[in-house]
């Protein structure tokens, strides 16, 4: 009997941990995607690090990209904030005289551009790699489930009804690494998640609402936070430029209007953000980007937010 108990005990010691980690991307609305995790199994093995690929695809020619990451912890896991705040690709740049700057705005959980298998510049790319580890002592381990981070998706001015987000383990960076150093491939719930990019942020009572729908609901026509709130004044590109002056209407806007000059609403290459007056003109041709748009551009040339009003007044009342 003692021999049998000894054998059973040895088998239990030698038995592998039946660990599983489930990763999920959830559309939270407002073009926000939340990435969370759940550690399962018996017993639930703790995770030391996550390496995940997130890639966006509209299935069309229009571009969408990630432009903001938030809701993550920075630094060691402790009683103030438990979780995954060590980002290997960024960590190597954070040491200054042996003291990492966790508050540095560049210290984020996305792998730096230029790293192996990264692409694009900064967050403005269709694919990002999350690499998030943890450093803790004793009872300060991350919980067995929680939020890794949230990412905001930018439709780049073109409001498709949705896009697809694919999430997968990043093999180069070790996929998911458990406490004992084992690298595993996590399970994915909703590994292909639809992210809603546009809502009815443009007033349905306006006579131009039908045109906005025909354009597939571009967010640039809308008030902030969907658009800049200055598009109808000539801000076709949705940003300020001309550092250090930060002009709201400047060269980028002129370039967009020039590129889309004399295009019609039926032209699939037309960027609707260049249609700043929201009208067709040049009868009988019905150009969507024409003299009225150029007039608004010139009338507000080199004006700043402080000159045009804060917040941006677009869309203005009809």
Protein backbone atom coordinates (compact mmCIF):
# COMPACT_ATOMS: atom_id res chain seq x y z
CA UNK A 1 0.00 0.00 0.00
CA UNK A 2 2.84 2.37 0.88
CA UNK A 3 4.51 1.57 -2.43
CA UNK A 4 1.31 2.45 -4.34
CA UNK A 5 0.98 5.77 -2.49
CA UNK A 6 4.61 6.57 -3.26
CA UNK A 7 4.09 5.86 -6.96
CA UNK A 8 0.96 8.05 -7.04
CA UNK A 9 2.86 10.87 -5.30
CA UNK A 10 5.70 10.64 -7.81
CA UNK A 11 3.26 10.71 -10.72
CA UNK A 12 1.59 13.83 -9.32
CA UNK A 13 4.95 15.56 -8.98
CA UNK A 14 5.98 14.63 -12.51
CA UNK A 15 2.61 15.44 -14.12
CA UNK A 16 2.74 18.50 -16.38
CA UNK A 17 0.67 21.52 -15.44
CA UNK A 18 -2.46 21.54 -17.58
CA UNK A 19 -2.35 25.28 -18.11
CA UNK A 20 -4.27 27.27 -20.64
CA UNK A 21 -4.44 30.96 -21.30
CA UNK A 22 -7.34 32.53 -23.16
CA UNK A 23 -6.80 35.89 -24.85
CA UNK A 24 -9.71 37.94 -26.15
CA UNK A 25 -10.08 41.17 -28.11
CA UNK A 26 -13.36 42.97 -27.40
CA UNK A 27 -14.90 45.90 -29.28
CA UNK A 28 -15.81 48.34 -26.49
CA UNK A 29 -17.41 50.90 -28.81
CA UNK A 30 -16.03 54.28 -29.77
CA UNK A 31 -13.42 52.46 -31.90
CA UNK A 32 -11.79 51.10 -28.72
CA UNK A 33 -10.53 47.50 -28.65
CA UNK A 34 -9.79 45.92 -25.27
CA UNK A 35 -7.33 43.02 -25.00
CA UNK A 36 -7.88 40.85 -21.94
CA UNK A 37 -6.77 37.44 -20.69
CA UNK A 38 -7.90 34.56 -18.48
CA UNK A 39 -5.56 31.90 -17.03
CA UNK A 40 -7.27 28.55 -16.63
CA UNK A 41 -6.22 24.97 -15.91
CA UNK A 42 -5.71 23.04 -12.72
CA UNK A 43 -3.83 24.61 -11.09
CA UNK A 44 -3.85 27.85 -13.07
CA UNK A 45 -0.26 28.55 -14.06
CA UNK A 46 0.83 32.18 -13.76
CA UNK A 47 1.87 34.04 -16.90
CA UNK A 48 5.15 35.92 -17.00
CA UNK A 49 4.83 37.50 -20.43
CA UNK A 50 2.53 37.96 -23.45
CA UNK A 51 3.63 38.44 -27.06
CA UNK A 52 0.67 39.04 -29.38
CA UNK A 53 0.13 40.18 -32.96
CA UNK A 54 -2.85 42.46 -33.66
CA UNK A 55 -3.66 43.29 -37.27
CA UNK A 56 -6.48 45.31 -38.83
CA UNK A 57 -8.11 44.74 -42.19
CA UNK A 58 -11.18 46.37 -43.74
CA UNK A 59 -11.29 43.89 -46.60
CA UNK A 60 -11.24 46.96 -48.84
CA UNK A 61 -8.75 49.51 -50.07
CA UNK A 62 -9.37 51.97 -47.24
CA UNK A 63 -6.79 52.24 -44.51
CA UNK A 64 -7.36 51.76 -40.80
CA UNK A 65 -4.65 51.85 -38.18
CA UNK A 66 -3.99 51.90 -34.45
CA UNK A 67 -3.37 55.38 -33.12
CA UNK A 68 -3.55 55.14 -29.32
CA UNK A 69 -2.82 52.64 -26.57
CA UNK A 70 -4.11 53.05 -23.02
CA UNK A 71 -5.37 51.29 -19.87
CA UNK A 72 -2.09 49.51 -19.16
CA UNK A 73 0.12 49.61 -16.09
CA UNK A 74 3.74 50.78 -16.21
CA UNK A 75 6.54 49.27 -14.20
CA UNK A 76 6.57 46.61 -11.52
CA UNK A 77 3.46 44.74 -10.42
CA UNK A 78 2.70 45.90 -6.89
CA UNK A 79 -0.19 46.56 -4.54
CA UNK A 80 -0.91 49.89 -6.27
CA UNK A 81 -1.30 48.26 -9.67
CA UNK A 82 -1.06 44.54 -10.35
CA UNK A 83 -0.37 43.49 -13.90
CA UNK A 84 1.99 43.47 -16.86
CA UNK A 85 4.02 46.68 -17.01
CA UNK A 86 7.38 45.51 -18.37
CA UNK A 87 7.63 46.06 -22.14
CA UNK A 88 10.90 44.47 -23.33
CA UNK A 89 11.32 46.37 -26.60
CA UNK A 90 10.81 49.71 -24.88
CA UNK A 91 12.45 48.76 -21.59
CA UNK A 92 15.95 48.82 -22.99
CA UNK A 93 15.52 52.51 -23.79
CA UNK A 94 14.11 53.49 -20.38
CA UNK A 95 17.17 53.13 -18.17
CA UNK A 96 18.76 56.45 -17.25
CA UNK A 97 21.57 56.01 -14.75
CA UNK A 98 19.97 52.72 -13.71
CA UNK A 99 16.57 54.27 -13.07
CA UNK A 100 13.79 53.40 -15.57
CA UNK A 101 11.36 56.19 -16.37
CA UNK A 102 7.99 54.44 -16.20
CA UNK A 103 6.17 57.74 -16.89
CA UNK A 104 7.88 58.30 -20.24
CA UNK A 105 5.07 58.67 -22.84
CA UNK A 106 7.12 56.54 -25.22
CA UNK A 107 7.06 53.65 -22.76
CA UNK A 108 4.11 51.72 -24.17
CA UNK A 109 3.40 47.98 -24.66
CA UNK A 110 3.69 48.04 -28.45
CA UNK A 111 6.98 46.85 -29.92
CA UNK A 112 9.11 49.70 -31.30
CA UNK A 113 9.22 50.21 -35.04
CA UNK A 114 12.39 48.79 -36.49
CA UNK A 115 12.35 45.78 -34.19
CA UNK A 116 12.28 42.35 -35.79
CA UNK A 117 8.96 41.70 -37.57
CA UNK A 118 7.60 45.16 -36.69
CA UNK A 119 6.46 47.40 -39.51
CA UNK A 120 5.29 50.94 -40.02
CA UNK A 121 6.02 53.95 -37.84
CA UNK A 122 4.85 54.43 -34.28
CA UNK A 123 1.28 53.40 -33.58
CA UNK A 124 0.08 54.56 -36.99
CA UNK A 125 0.15 51.16 -38.64
CA UNK A 126 -2.24 48.32 -39.42
CA UNK A 127 -0.25 45.81 -37.38
CA UNK A 128 1.10 46.19 -33.85
CA UNK A 129 2.85 43.74 -31.57
CA UNK A 130 2.05 43.73 -27.88
CA UNK A 131 4.88 42.54 -25.66
CA UNK A 132 4.03 42.72 -21.99
CA UNK A 133 5.84 41.07 -19.11
CA UNK A 134 5.64 41.31 -15.34
CA UNK A 135 8.10 41.83 -12.51
CA UNK A 136 6.90 41.17 -8.96
CA UNK A 137 7.78 39.73 -5.58
CA UNK A 138 5.81 37.42 -3.31
CA UNK A 139 2.09 38.26 -3.27
CA UNK A 140 2.19 40.94 -5.96
CA UNK A 141 1.65 38.58 -8.89
CA UNK A 142 -0.84 39.71 -11.55
CA UNK A 143 -4.36 38.30 -11.17
CA UNK A 144 -5.41 35.21 -13.09
CA UNK A 145 -7.58 37.38 -15.35
CA UNK A 146 -7.60 41.02 -16.34
CA UNK A 147 -7.10 43.70 -18.98
CA UNK A 148 -3.76 43.97 -20.78
CA UNK A 149 -4.52 47.23 -22.55
CA UNK A 150 -6.90 49.10 -24.83
CA UNK A 151 -6.15 50.30 -28.36
CA UNK A 152 -7.97 52.93 -30.37
CA UNK A 153 -8.58 52.33 -34.07
CA UNK A 154 -8.41 55.23 -36.51
CA UNK A 155 -10.36 54.81 -39.78
CA UNK A 156 -8.10 57.45 -41.35
CA UNK A 157 -11.05 59.67 -42.19
CA UNK A 158 -13.04 57.00 -44.00
CA UNK A 159 -15.80 55.56 -41.84
CA UNK A 160 -16.37 51.99 -42.94
CA UNK A 161 -19.09 50.18 -41.02
CA UNK A 162 -16.49 47.87 -39.52
CA UNK A 163 -13.09 46.29 -39.93
CA UNK A 164 -11.66 42.94 -38.90
CA UNK A 165 -9.07 42.62 -36.16
CA UNK A 166 -7.04 39.41 -36.14
CA UNK A 167 -5.14 38.46 -33.00
CA UNK A 168 -2.49 35.74 -32.79
CA UNK A 169 0.53 34.67 -30.75
CA UNK A 170 3.87 36.16 -31.79
CA UNK A 171 6.26 33.23 -32.18
CA UNK A 172 9.45 35.31 -32.47
CA UNK A 173 8.89 36.84 -29.04
CA UNK A 174 7.87 33.59 -27.32
CA UNK A 175 4.05 33.63 -27.57
CA UNK A 176 2.90 33.33 -23.93
CA UNK A 177 5.56 32.49 -21.36
CA UNK A 178 4.49 30.85 -18.11
CA UNK A 179 6.06 31.17 -14.67
CA UNK A 180 8.16 28.05 -15.19
CA UNK A 181 9.55 29.36 -18.50
CA UNK A 182 7.31 27.23 -20.70
CA UNK A 183 6.23 28.91 -23.94
CA UNK A 184 2.66 28.11 -24.99
CA UNK A 185 0.21 29.16 -27.67
CA UNK A 186 -2.83 30.69 -25.97
CA UNK A 187 -6.41 30.03 -26.94
CA UNK A 188 -8.23 32.91 -28.57
CA UNK A 189 -11.85 33.87 -28.06
CA UNK A 190 -12.93 36.02 -30.94
CA UNK A 191 -9.59 35.77 -32.71
CA UNK A 192 -11.22 37.69 -35.55
CA UNK A 193 -13.14 40.56 -34.01
CA UNK A 194 -15.29 43.08 -35.88
CA UNK A 195 -14.58 46.64 -34.80
CA UNK A 196 -17.24 49.25 -35.55
CA UNK A 197 -15.55 52.32 -37.00
CA UNK A 198 -18.42 54.69 -37.62
CA UNK A 199 -21.63 55.73 -35.97
CA UNK A 200 -24.19 58.36 -36.88
CA UNK A 201 -22.10 61.23 -35.62
CA UNK A 202 -23.44 63.45 -38.44
CA UNK A 203 -26.94 64.93 -37.89
CA UNK A 204 -29.59 62.86 -39.66
CA UNK A 205 -31.79 65.95 -40.14
CA UNK A 206 -29.27 67.73 -42.38
CA UNK A 207 -29.92 67.85 -46.13
CA UNK A 208 -26.37 66.55 -46.63
CA UNK A 209 -26.98 63.46 -44.48
CA UNK A 210 -27.67 61.38 -47.61
CA UNK A 211 -24.34 62.45 -49.10
CA UNK A 212 -22.62 61.48 -45.83
CA UNK A 213 -24.21 58.05 -46.10
CA UNK A 214 -23.15 57.72 -49.75
CA UNK A 215 -19.60 58.48 -48.64
CA UNK A 216 -19.93 55.59 -46.12
CA UNK A 217 -20.17 57.91 -43.10
CA UNK A 218 -16.75 59.59 -42.97
CA UNK A 219 -15.87 60.50 -39.39
CA UNK A 220 -14.01 63.61 -40.57
CA UNK A 221 -17.35 65.39 -41.23
CA UNK A 222 -18.29 65.02 -37.55
CA UNK A 223 -17.59 66.91 -34.37
CA UNK A 224 -14.87 65.78 -31.98
CA UNK A 225 -13.98 63.17 -30.85
CA UNK A 226 -15.02 61.50 -34.14
CA UNK A 227 -13.60 64.22 -36.37
CA UNK A 228 -11.49 67.30 -35.69
CA UNK A 229 -14.50 69.61 -35.69
CA UNK A 230 -12.82 71.88 -38.25
CA UNK A 231 -13.26 69.93 -41.51
CA UNK A 232 -16.06 72.16 -42.84
CA UNK A 233 -13.69 75.15 -42.46
CA UNK A 234 -11.01 73.64 -44.67
CA UNK A 235 -9.29 71.17 -42.33
CA UNK A 236 -9.29 68.31 -44.81
CA UNK A 237 -6.45 66.34 -43.19
CA UNK A 238 -7.78 66.58 -39.63
CA UNK A 239 -4.52 67.75 -38.03
CA UNK A 240 -2.61 70.91 -37.22
CA UNK A 241 0.71 71.53 -38.95
CA UNK A 242 3.33 74.15 -39.67
CA UNK A 243 5.31 73.73 -36.44
CA UNK A 244 5.69 75.64 -34.21
CA UNK A 245 2.62 77.58 -35.32
CA UNK A 246 0.14 74.66 -35.42
CA UNK A 247 -2.04 75.97 -38.23
CA UNK A 248 -5.38 74.20 -38.51
CA UNK A 249 -5.69 74.93 -42.26
CA UNK A 250 -2.42 74.61 -44.09
CA UNK A 251 -0.40 72.69 -46.69
CA UNK A 252 -1.74 69.20 -45.98
CA UNK A 253 -5.29 70.44 -46.48
CA UNK A 254 -4.35 72.19 -49.71
CA UNK A 255 -2.70 68.99 -50.93
CA UNK A 256 -5.83 66.91 -50.27
CA UNK A 257 -8.10 69.39 -52.02
CA UNK A 258 -5.73 69.56 -54.99
CA UNK A 259 -5.50 65.76 -55.22
CA UNK A 260 -9.30 65.44 -55.22
CA UNK A 261 -10.00 68.46 -57.45
CA UNK A 262 -13.06 68.06 -59.71
CA UNK A 263 -13.83 64.55 -58.51
CA UNK A 264 -17.46 63.48 -58.26
CA UNK A 265 -19.24 61.60 -55.49
CA UNK A 266 -19.34 58.50 -57.73
CA UNK A 267 -15.54 58.46 -57.99
CA UNK A 268 -14.27 55.71 -55.67
CA UNK A 269 -10.89 57.46 -55.38
CA UNK A 270 -12.44 60.59 -53.89
CA UNK A 271 -11.47 61.25 -50.29
CA UNK A 272 -14.65 62.68 -48.71
CA UNK A 273 -12.61 64.69 -46.22
CA UNK A 274 -11.58 66.95 -49.11
CA UNK A 275 -15.26 67.87 -49.67
CA UNK A 276 -15.16 70.59 -47.03
CA UNK A 277 -18.28 72.50 -48.10
CA UNK A 278 -20.34 69.26 -48.34
CA UNK A 279 -21.79 70.36 -51.68
CA UNK A 280 -21.55 69.56 -55.37
CA UNK A 281 -20.93 72.43 -57.79
CA UNK A 282 -19.73 73.22 -61.28
CA UNK A 283 -23.02 72.47 -63.04
CA UNK A 284 -23.69 70.35 -64.97
CA UNK A 285 -20.66 68.33 -63.82
CA UNK A 286 -21.50 68.27 -60.09
CA UNK A 287 -17.94 68.26 -58.79
CA UNK A 288 -17.65 67.49 -55.08
CA UNK A 289 -14.30 69.23 -54.66
CA UNK A 290 -14.33 72.53 -56.47
CA UNK A 291 -14.44 76.31 -56.03
CA UNK A 292 -16.50 76.31 -52.81
CA UNK A 293 -13.99 74.04 -51.12
CA UNK A 294 -11.06 76.14 -52.36
CA UNK A 295 -12.78 79.28 -51.03
CA UNK A 296 -13.11 77.83 -47.52
CA UNK A 297 -9.47 76.77 -47.66
CA UNK A 298 -8.26 80.26 -48.62
CA UNK A 299 -10.60 82.05 -46.19
CA UNK A 300 -9.18 80.09 -43.26
CA UNK A 301 -5.59 79.72 -44.48
CA UNK A 302 -3.07 79.58 -41.63
CA UNK A 303 -5.76 79.99 -38.99
CA UNK A 304 -5.37 78.20 -35.67
CA UNK A 305 -7.90 76.58 -33.35
CA UNK A 306 -7.87 79.74 -31.25
CA UNK A 307 -8.93 81.75 -34.32
CA UNK A 308 -11.62 79.32 -35.46
CA UNK A 309 -13.11 78.51 -32.06
CA UNK A 310 -12.56 75.77 -29.50
CA UNK A 311 -13.95 73.15 -29.81
CA UNK A 312 -14.21 73.04 -33.59
CA UNK A 313 -17.67 74.20 -34.74
CA UNK A 314 -18.21 71.58 -37.49
CA UNK A 315 -20.65 70.49 -38.59
CA UNK A 316 -22.21 73.96 -38.52
CA UNK A 317 -25.96 74.45 -38.40
CA UNK A 318 -27.74 74.48 -41.75
